[in-house]
Amino acid sequence: MTIKEIQEEIVDEFMMFEDWMQRYEYMIELGKSIPVIQETYKTDNNLIKGCQSKVWLHSELDQDKVLFTADSDAIITKGIIAVLLRVFNNQKPKDILEADLSFIDQIGLKEHLSATRANGLVSMIKQIKLYALGMQSKLNA
C-alpha cells in the first residue's frame, strides 16, 4: 500500500468512532501491535528528543525500504508512534520524505493532544524524516 492509501484507511477508521475517548482507546490498541524495538536499541541515541515520555525509534534499510521499530513508556505515546509507523514502516525513504501528513489534521490528532504530546508528535515525525533522509543518502551513494 502507498502512504496515501494507508493514511486514507486510518482516517476512515478514526471516523468510525464517535468521540475522542474511543479514538484514544483505539490508539492504545494500535500501540500494542507495533513492531517492538529490541532492548539493545533502547539507547539514548534512539530516544526521540522533545517527547515528554520516553520514545525509542530505530530504523534500518531493507533493500530500498525503511523498517522502523519503536517503543514508549507511555500508552498514549505508544499509540501515537504506532499510527506513524503504520504509515511509514516498510516505505521507500523518498516517499517518506515527500509524504503529505494532512491525515493528522483530518483525524484531529494534534488538537486533541496536550501541548507536550503535540510537541512529541512533531518530534516523532521529524525523527522519522531524518532517518528517511539518511537512508535516502545511502541509496544515492
N, C-alpha and C. Protein backbone atom coordinates (compact mmCIF):
# COMPACT_ATOMS: atom_id res chain seq x y z
N MET A 1 0.84 -1.20 0.00
CA MET A 1 0.00 0.00 0.00
C MET A 1 0.87 1.24 0.00
N THR A 2 0.38 2.28 -0.63
CA THR A 2 1.10 3.54 -0.62
C THR A 2 0.84 4.27 0.70
N ILE A 3 1.67 5.25 0.98
CA ILE A 3 1.48 6.06 2.19
C ILE A 3 0.11 6.72 2.16
N LYS A 4 -0.26 7.26 1.02
CA LYS A 4 -1.56 7.94 0.89
C LYS A 4 -2.72 6.97 1.16
N GLU A 5 -2.64 5.76 0.64
CA GLU A 5 -3.70 4.76 0.86
C GLU A 5 -3.80 4.39 2.35
N ILE A 6 -2.67 4.24 2.99
CA ILE A 6 -2.66 3.91 4.42
C ILE A 6 -3.27 5.05 5.22
N GLN A 7 -2.91 6.28 4.87
CA GLN A 7 -3.46 7.44 5.57
C GLN A 7 -4.97 7.51 5.41
N GLU A 8 -5.46 7.24 4.21
CA GLU A 8 -6.92 7.26 3.96
C GLU A 8 -7.61 6.19 4.80
N GLU A 9 -6.98 5.04 4.92
CA GLU A 9 -7.52 3.95 5.73
C GLU A 9 -7.61 4.37 7.20
N ILE A 10 -6.57 5.03 7.69
CA ILE A 10 -6.55 5.50 9.09
C ILE A 10 -7.64 6.54 9.32
N VAL A 11 -7.80 7.47 8.38
CA VAL A 11 -8.84 8.50 8.51
C VAL A 11 -10.21 7.81 8.59
N ASP A 12 -10.45 6.84 7.69
CA ASP A 12 -11.73 6.12 7.71
C ASP A 12 -11.95 5.42 9.05
N GLU A 13 -10.91 4.79 9.58
CA GLU A 13 -11.03 4.09 10.86
C GLU A 13 -11.36 5.06 11.99
N PHE A 14 -10.67 6.19 12.03
CA PHE A 14 -10.90 7.16 13.10
C PHE A 14 -12.29 7.77 13.02
N MET A 15 -12.83 7.89 11.82
CA MET A 15 -14.16 8.48 11.66
C MET A 15 -15.27 7.54 12.16
N MET A 16 -14.95 6.27 12.33
CA MET A 16 -15.95 5.31 12.83
C MET A 16 -16.27 5.56 14.31
N PHE A 17 -15.34 6.20 15.01
CA PHE A 17 -15.54 6.42 16.44
C PHE A 17 -16.27 7.73 16.69
N GLU A 18 -17.15 7.70 17.69
CA GLU A 18 -17.99 8.86 17.95
C GLU A 18 -17.29 9.96 18.75
N ASP A 19 -16.36 9.57 19.61
CA ASP A 19 -15.72 10.59 20.43
C ASP A 19 -14.23 10.28 20.61
N TRP A 20 -13.53 11.22 21.25
CA TRP A 20 -12.09 11.07 21.38
C TRP A 20 -11.66 10.04 22.41
N MET A 21 -12.52 9.70 23.34
CA MET A 21 -12.17 8.64 24.28
C MET A 21 -12.05 7.31 23.52
N GLN A 22 -12.97 7.08 22.59
CA GLN A 22 -12.91 5.86 21.78
C GLN A 22 -11.69 5.86 20.87
N ARG A 23 -11.34 7.03 20.36
CA ARG A 23 -10.16 7.14 19.48
C ARG A 23 -8.87 6.90 20.27
N TYR A 24 -8.82 7.41 21.50
CA TYR A 24 -7.65 7.15 22.35
C TYR A 24 -7.53 5.66 22.64
N GLU A 25 -8.66 5.01 22.94
CA GLU A 25 -8.65 3.57 23.20
C GLU A 25 -8.15 2.82 21.97
N TYR A 26 -8.56 3.25 20.80
CA TYR A 26 -8.12 2.63 19.56
C TYR A 26 -6.61 2.80 19.36
N MET A 27 -6.12 4.01 19.65
CA MET A 27 -4.68 4.26 19.53
C MET A 27 -3.90 3.38 20.51
N ILE A 28 -4.42 3.22 21.71
CA ILE A 28 -3.77 2.35 22.70
C ILE A 28 -3.70 0.92 22.17
N GLU A 29 -4.79 0.46 21.55
CA GLU A 29 -4.79 -0.88 20.95
C GLU A 29 -3.75 -0.98 19.82
N LEU A 30 -3.67 0.06 18.99
CA LEU A 30 -2.67 0.08 17.92
C LEU A 30 -1.27 0.00 18.50
N GLY A 31 -1.07 0.66 19.62
CA GLY A 31 0.24 0.67 20.28
C GLY A 31 0.70 -0.72 20.70
N LYS A 32 -0.27 -1.61 20.93
CA LYS A 32 0.07 -2.97 21.33
C LYS A 32 0.55 -3.82 20.15
N SER A 33 0.34 -3.30 18.93
CA SER A 33 0.66 -4.11 17.75
C SER A 33 1.87 -3.61 16.97
N ILE A 34 2.57 -2.61 17.48
CA ILE A 34 3.71 -2.09 16.72
C ILE A 34 4.88 -3.05 16.75
N PRO A 35 5.73 -2.95 15.71
CA PRO A 35 6.96 -3.73 15.75
C PRO A 35 7.84 -3.20 16.89
N VAL A 36 7.97 -3.99 17.94
CA VAL A 36 8.64 -3.51 19.15
C VAL A 36 10.16 -3.52 18.97
N ILE A 37 10.76 -2.47 19.42
CA ILE A 37 12.21 -2.29 19.33
C ILE A 37 12.91 -3.29 20.25
N GLN A 38 14.03 -3.82 19.79
CA GLN A 38 14.81 -4.73 20.64
C GLN A 38 15.42 -3.93 21.79
N GLU A 39 15.56 -4.59 22.92
CA GLU A 39 16.12 -3.93 24.11
C GLU A 39 17.48 -3.30 23.82
N THR A 40 18.27 -3.93 22.95
CA THR A 40 19.61 -3.40 22.64
C THR A 40 19.55 -2.05 21.93
N TYR A 41 18.40 -1.73 21.33
CA TYR A 41 18.24 -0.43 20.65
C TYR A 41 17.60 0.62 21.55
N LYS A 42 17.24 0.26 22.76
CA LYS A 42 16.67 1.24 23.69
C LYS A 42 17.82 2.01 24.34
N THR A 43 18.44 2.83 23.51
CA THR A 43 19.59 3.63 23.95
C THR A 43 19.26 5.11 23.83
N ASP A 44 20.11 5.94 24.41
CA ASP A 44 19.92 7.39 24.31
C ASP A 44 19.94 7.86 22.86
N ASN A 45 20.74 7.19 22.02
CA ASN A 45 20.81 7.56 20.60
C ASN A 45 19.47 7.38 19.89
N ASN A 46 18.67 6.44 20.35
CA ASN A 46 17.38 6.17 19.72
C ASN A 46 16.20 6.84 20.43
N LEU A 47 16.48 7.57 21.50
CA LEU A 47 15.42 8.31 22.19
C LEU A 47 15.05 9.54 21.36
N ILE A 48 13.77 9.78 21.22
CA ILE A 48 13.33 10.96 20.48
C ILE A 48 13.34 12.15 21.42
N LYS A 49 14.09 13.15 21.04
CA LYS A 49 14.18 14.37 21.85
C LYS A 49 12.91 15.20 21.65
N GLY A 50 12.42 15.79 22.71
CA GLY A 50 11.24 16.64 22.60
C GLY A 50 9.95 15.96 23.02
N CYS A 51 10.04 14.71 23.43
CA CYS A 51 8.87 14.00 23.92
C CYS A 51 8.87 14.00 25.44
N GLN A 52 7.72 14.21 26.01
CA GLN A 52 7.58 14.19 27.47
C GLN A 52 7.84 12.77 27.98
N SER A 53 7.31 11.79 27.28
CA SER A 53 7.53 10.38 27.62
C SER A 53 8.77 9.89 26.89
N LYS A 54 9.24 8.74 27.29
CA LYS A 54 10.37 8.15 26.57
C LYS A 54 9.83 7.42 25.35
N VAL A 55 10.40 7.75 24.20
CA VAL A 55 10.04 7.09 22.94
C VAL A 55 11.34 6.71 22.25
N TRP A 56 11.49 5.42 22.00
CA TRP A 56 12.67 4.95 21.28
C TRP A 56 12.23 4.60 19.87
N LEU A 57 13.05 4.99 18.89
CA LEU A 57 12.75 4.70 17.50
C LEU A 57 14.03 4.23 16.82
N HIS A 58 13.94 3.08 16.18
CA HIS A 58 15.09 2.52 15.46
C HIS A 58 14.68 2.30 14.02
N SER A 59 15.62 2.51 13.10
CA SER A 59 15.33 2.26 11.69
C SER A 59 16.47 1.50 11.06
N GLU A 60 16.13 0.76 10.03
CA GLU A 60 17.15 0.12 9.22
C GLU A 60 16.62 0.02 7.80
N LEU A 61 17.55 -0.07 6.88
CA LEU A 61 17.21 -0.16 5.47
C LEU A 61 17.16 -1.62 5.07
N ASP A 62 16.06 -2.04 4.47
CA ASP A 62 15.93 -3.40 3.96
C ASP A 62 15.70 -3.28 2.47
N GLN A 63 16.73 -3.54 1.69
CA GLN A 63 16.77 -3.29 0.25
C GLN A 63 16.54 -1.80 0.02
N ASP A 64 15.35 -1.39 -0.42
CA ASP A 64 15.14 0.04 -0.66
C ASP A 64 14.03 0.61 0.23
N LYS A 65 13.70 -0.12 1.30
CA LYS A 65 12.62 0.35 2.19
C LYS A 65 13.12 0.49 3.62
N VAL A 66 12.50 1.42 4.34
CA VAL A 66 12.87 1.68 5.73
C VAL A 66 11.97 0.86 6.65
N LEU A 67 12.60 0.13 7.54
CA LEU A 67 11.87 -0.62 8.56
C LEU A 67 12.07 0.07 9.90
N PHE A 68 10.97 0.35 10.57
CA PHE A 68 11.03 1.01 11.87
C PHE A 68 10.58 0.06 12.97
N THR A 69 11.20 0.20 14.13
CA THR A 69 10.70 -0.43 15.35
C THR A 69 10.69 0.67 16.41
N ALA A 70 9.80 0.53 17.39
CA ALA A 70 9.68 1.59 18.39
C ALA A 70 9.09 1.04 19.68
N ASP A 71 9.16 1.88 20.70
CA ASP A 71 8.51 1.58 21.97
C ASP A 71 8.41 2.88 22.75
N SER A 72 7.54 2.88 23.73
CA SER A 72 7.39 4.04 24.61
C SER A 72 7.01 3.55 25.99
N ASP A 73 7.31 4.39 26.99
CA ASP A 73 6.93 4.04 28.36
C ASP A 73 5.55 4.57 28.72
N ALA A 74 4.85 5.18 27.75
CA ALA A 74 3.50 5.70 27.99
C ALA A 74 2.55 5.15 26.92
N ILE A 75 1.37 4.69 27.34
CA ILE A 75 0.48 4.00 26.41
C ILE A 75 -0.07 4.91 25.30
N ILE A 76 -0.41 6.15 25.61
CA ILE A 76 -0.91 7.06 24.57
C ILE A 76 0.20 7.36 23.57
N THR A 77 1.39 7.63 24.08
CA THR A 77 2.53 7.94 23.21
C THR A 77 2.86 6.74 22.33
N LYS A 78 2.76 5.56 22.89
CA LYS A 78 3.00 4.35 22.10
C LYS A 78 1.94 4.24 20.99
N GLY A 79 0.74 4.65 21.28
CA GLY A 79 -0.33 4.67 20.27
C GLY A 79 -0.05 5.66 19.16
N ILE A 80 0.48 6.82 19.54
CA ILE A 80 0.81 7.85 18.54
C ILE A 80 1.91 7.34 17.60
N ILE A 81 2.96 6.78 18.16
CA ILE A 81 4.05 6.28 17.32
C ILE A 81 3.56 5.10 16.49
N ALA A 82 2.60 4.33 17.01
CA ALA A 82 2.04 3.21 16.24
C ALA A 82 1.31 3.71 14.99
N VAL A 83 0.57 4.80 15.13
CA VAL A 83 -0.12 5.38 13.96
C VAL A 83 0.92 5.82 12.92
N LEU A 84 1.97 6.48 13.39
CA LEU A 84 3.01 6.95 12.47
C LEU A 84 3.74 5.78 11.80
N LEU A 85 4.06 4.75 12.56
CA LEU A 85 4.75 3.60 11.98
C LEU A 85 3.86 2.87 10.99
N ARG A 86 2.60 2.84 11.26
CA ARG A 86 1.69 2.19 10.30
C ARG A 86 1.77 2.89 8.94
N VAL A 87 1.93 4.20 8.96
CA VAL A 87 2.03 4.98 7.72
C VAL A 87 3.40 4.81 7.07
N PHE A 88 4.46 4.88 7.86
CA PHE A 88 5.81 5.00 7.30
C PHE A 88 6.62 3.71 7.24
N ASN A 89 6.23 2.70 8.00
CA ASN A 89 7.03 1.47 8.02
C ASN A 89 6.97 0.77 6.67
N ASN A 90 8.12 0.25 6.25
CA ASN A 90 8.22 -0.51 5.01
C ASN A 90 7.91 0.33 3.76
N GLN A 91 8.30 1.61 3.84
CA GLN A 91 8.13 2.53 2.70
C GLN A 91 9.50 2.98 2.23
N LYS A 92 9.56 3.48 1.01
CA LYS A 92 10.81 3.99 0.46
C LYS A 92 11.13 5.34 1.11
N PRO A 93 12.41 5.59 1.38
CA PRO A 93 12.80 6.86 2.02
C PRO A 93 12.26 8.08 1.27
N LYS A 94 12.35 8.06 -0.03
CA LYS A 94 11.87 9.19 -0.85
C LYS A 94 10.38 9.45 -0.60
N ASP A 95 9.60 8.37 -0.52
CA ASP A 95 8.16 8.50 -0.28
C ASP A 95 7.88 9.06 1.11
N ILE A 96 8.68 8.66 2.09
CA ILE A 96 8.53 9.17 3.45
C ILE A 96 8.81 10.67 3.47
N LEU A 97 9.89 11.07 2.79
CA LEU A 97 10.27 12.48 2.77
C LEU A 97 9.24 13.35 2.06
N GLU A 98 8.58 12.80 1.07
CA GLU A 98 7.62 13.57 0.28
C GLU A 98 6.18 13.46 0.79
N ALA A 99 5.97 12.68 1.83
CA ALA A 99 4.61 12.41 2.32
C ALA A 99 3.92 13.67 2.83
N ASP A 100 2.68 13.80 2.44
CA ASP A 100 1.79 14.84 2.95
C ASP A 100 1.16 14.28 4.22
N LEU A 101 1.26 15.00 5.29
CA LEU A 101 0.76 14.49 6.58
C LEU A 101 -0.56 15.13 7.01
N SER A 102 -1.36 15.54 6.05
CA SER A 102 -2.63 16.19 6.38
C SER A 102 -3.60 15.24 7.09
N PHE A 103 -3.35 13.94 7.01
CA PHE A 103 -4.23 12.98 7.69
C PHE A 103 -4.24 13.24 9.20
N ILE A 104 -3.15 13.78 9.75
CA ILE A 104 -3.08 14.06 11.19
C ILE A 104 -4.12 15.10 11.57
N ASP A 105 -4.26 16.11 10.72
CA ASP A 105 -5.29 17.13 10.96
C ASP A 105 -6.69 16.57 10.67
N GLN A 106 -6.79 15.73 9.66
CA GLN A 106 -8.09 15.15 9.30
C GLN A 106 -8.67 14.31 10.45
N ILE A 107 -7.82 13.59 11.15
CA ILE A 107 -8.34 12.78 12.27
C ILE A 107 -8.42 13.60 13.56
N GLY A 108 -7.90 14.84 13.53
CA GLY A 108 -7.98 15.72 14.70
C GLY A 108 -7.00 15.39 15.80
N LEU A 109 -5.93 14.68 15.43
CA LEU A 109 -4.99 14.21 16.45
C LEU A 109 -4.32 15.35 17.20
N LYS A 110 -3.74 16.29 16.46
CA LYS A 110 -2.98 17.36 17.11
C LYS A 110 -3.83 18.17 18.09
N GLU A 111 -5.04 18.46 17.68
CA GLU A 111 -5.89 19.31 18.52
C GLU A 111 -6.40 18.60 19.77
N HIS A 112 -6.30 17.26 19.80
CA HIS A 112 -6.76 16.52 20.96
C HIS A 112 -5.62 16.01 21.84
N LEU A 113 -4.42 16.53 21.59
CA LEU A 113 -3.27 16.18 22.42
C LEU A 113 -2.91 17.36 23.30
N SER A 114 -2.33 17.06 24.45
CA SER A 114 -1.81 18.14 25.28
C SER A 114 -0.66 18.79 24.51
N ALA A 115 -0.27 19.97 24.93
CA ALA A 115 0.81 20.70 24.24
C ALA A 115 2.10 19.88 24.20
N THR A 116 2.42 19.21 25.31
CA THR A 116 3.66 18.43 25.34
C THR A 116 3.57 17.21 24.44
N ARG A 117 2.40 16.57 24.36
CA ARG A 117 2.24 15.42 23.46
C ARG A 117 2.25 15.88 22.00
N ALA A 118 1.66 17.04 21.72
CA ALA A 118 1.68 17.58 20.35
C ALA A 118 3.12 17.87 19.93
N ASN A 119 3.91 18.41 20.86
CA ASN A 119 5.34 18.63 20.57
C ASN A 119 6.04 17.30 20.31
N GLY A 120 5.67 16.29 21.09
CA GLY A 120 6.24 14.96 20.90
C GLY A 120 5.90 14.38 19.54
N LEU A 121 4.66 14.60 19.11
CA LEU A 121 4.23 14.14 17.78
C LEU A 121 5.10 14.76 16.69
N VAL A 122 5.31 16.06 16.79
CA VAL A 122 6.15 16.77 15.82
C VAL A 122 7.58 16.21 15.87
N SER A 123 8.08 15.94 17.06
CA SER A 123 9.43 15.38 17.20
C SER A 123 9.53 13.99 16.60
N MET A 124 8.49 13.19 16.76
CA MET A 124 8.47 11.84 16.18
C MET A 124 8.53 11.92 14.65
N ILE A 125 7.71 12.79 14.08
CA ILE A 125 7.68 12.95 12.62
C ILE A 125 9.04 13.43 12.12
N LYS A 126 9.60 14.39 12.84
CA LYS A 126 10.91 14.92 12.45
C LYS A 126 11.97 13.83 12.46
N GLN A 127 11.96 12.98 13.49
CA GLN A 127 12.95 11.91 13.58
C GLN A 127 12.75 10.86 12.49
N ILE A 128 11.52 10.53 12.19
CA ILE A 128 11.22 9.58 11.11
C ILE A 128 11.76 10.12 9.79
N LYS A 129 11.53 11.41 9.55
CA LYS A 129 12.00 12.03 8.30
C LYS A 129 13.53 12.12 8.27
N LEU A 130 14.15 12.36 9.42
CA LEU A 130 15.62 12.39 9.48
C LEU A 130 16.20 11.01 9.15
N TYR A 131 15.60 9.97 9.70
CA TYR A 131 16.05 8.61 9.37
C TYR A 131 15.88 8.35 7.87
N ALA A 132 14.75 8.76 7.32
CA ALA A 132 14.49 8.55 5.89
C ALA A 132 15.51 9.31 5.04
N LEU A 133 15.86 10.51 5.47
CA LEU A 133 16.85 11.32 4.75
C LEU A 133 18.20 10.60 4.74
N GLY A 134 18.58 10.06 5.89
CA GLY A 134 19.83 9.31 5.99
C GLY A 134 19.82 8.09 5.09
N MET A 135 18.70 7.39 5.07
CA MET A 135 18.58 6.20 4.23
C MET A 135 18.61 6.57 2.74
N GLN A 136 17.95 7.68 2.41
CA GLN A 136 17.94 8.14 1.01
C GLN A 136 19.37 8.47 0.56
N SER A 137 20.15 9.08 1.46
CA SER A 137 21.56 9.39 1.14
C SER A 137 22.35 8.12 0.87
N LYS A 138 22.09 7.08 1.67
CA LYS A 138 22.78 5.80 1.46
C LYS A 138 22.43 5.21 0.10
N LEU A 139 21.16 5.31 -0.27
CA LEU A 139 20.71 4.74 -1.54
C LEU A 139 21.31 5.51 -2.73
N ASN A 140 21.51 6.81 -2.55
CA ASN A 140 22.05 7.65 -3.63
C ASN A 140 23.56 7.55 -3.75
N ALA A 141 24.22 7.01 -2.71
CA ALA A 141 25.69 6.96 -2.71
C ALA A 141 26.23 5.94 -3.69
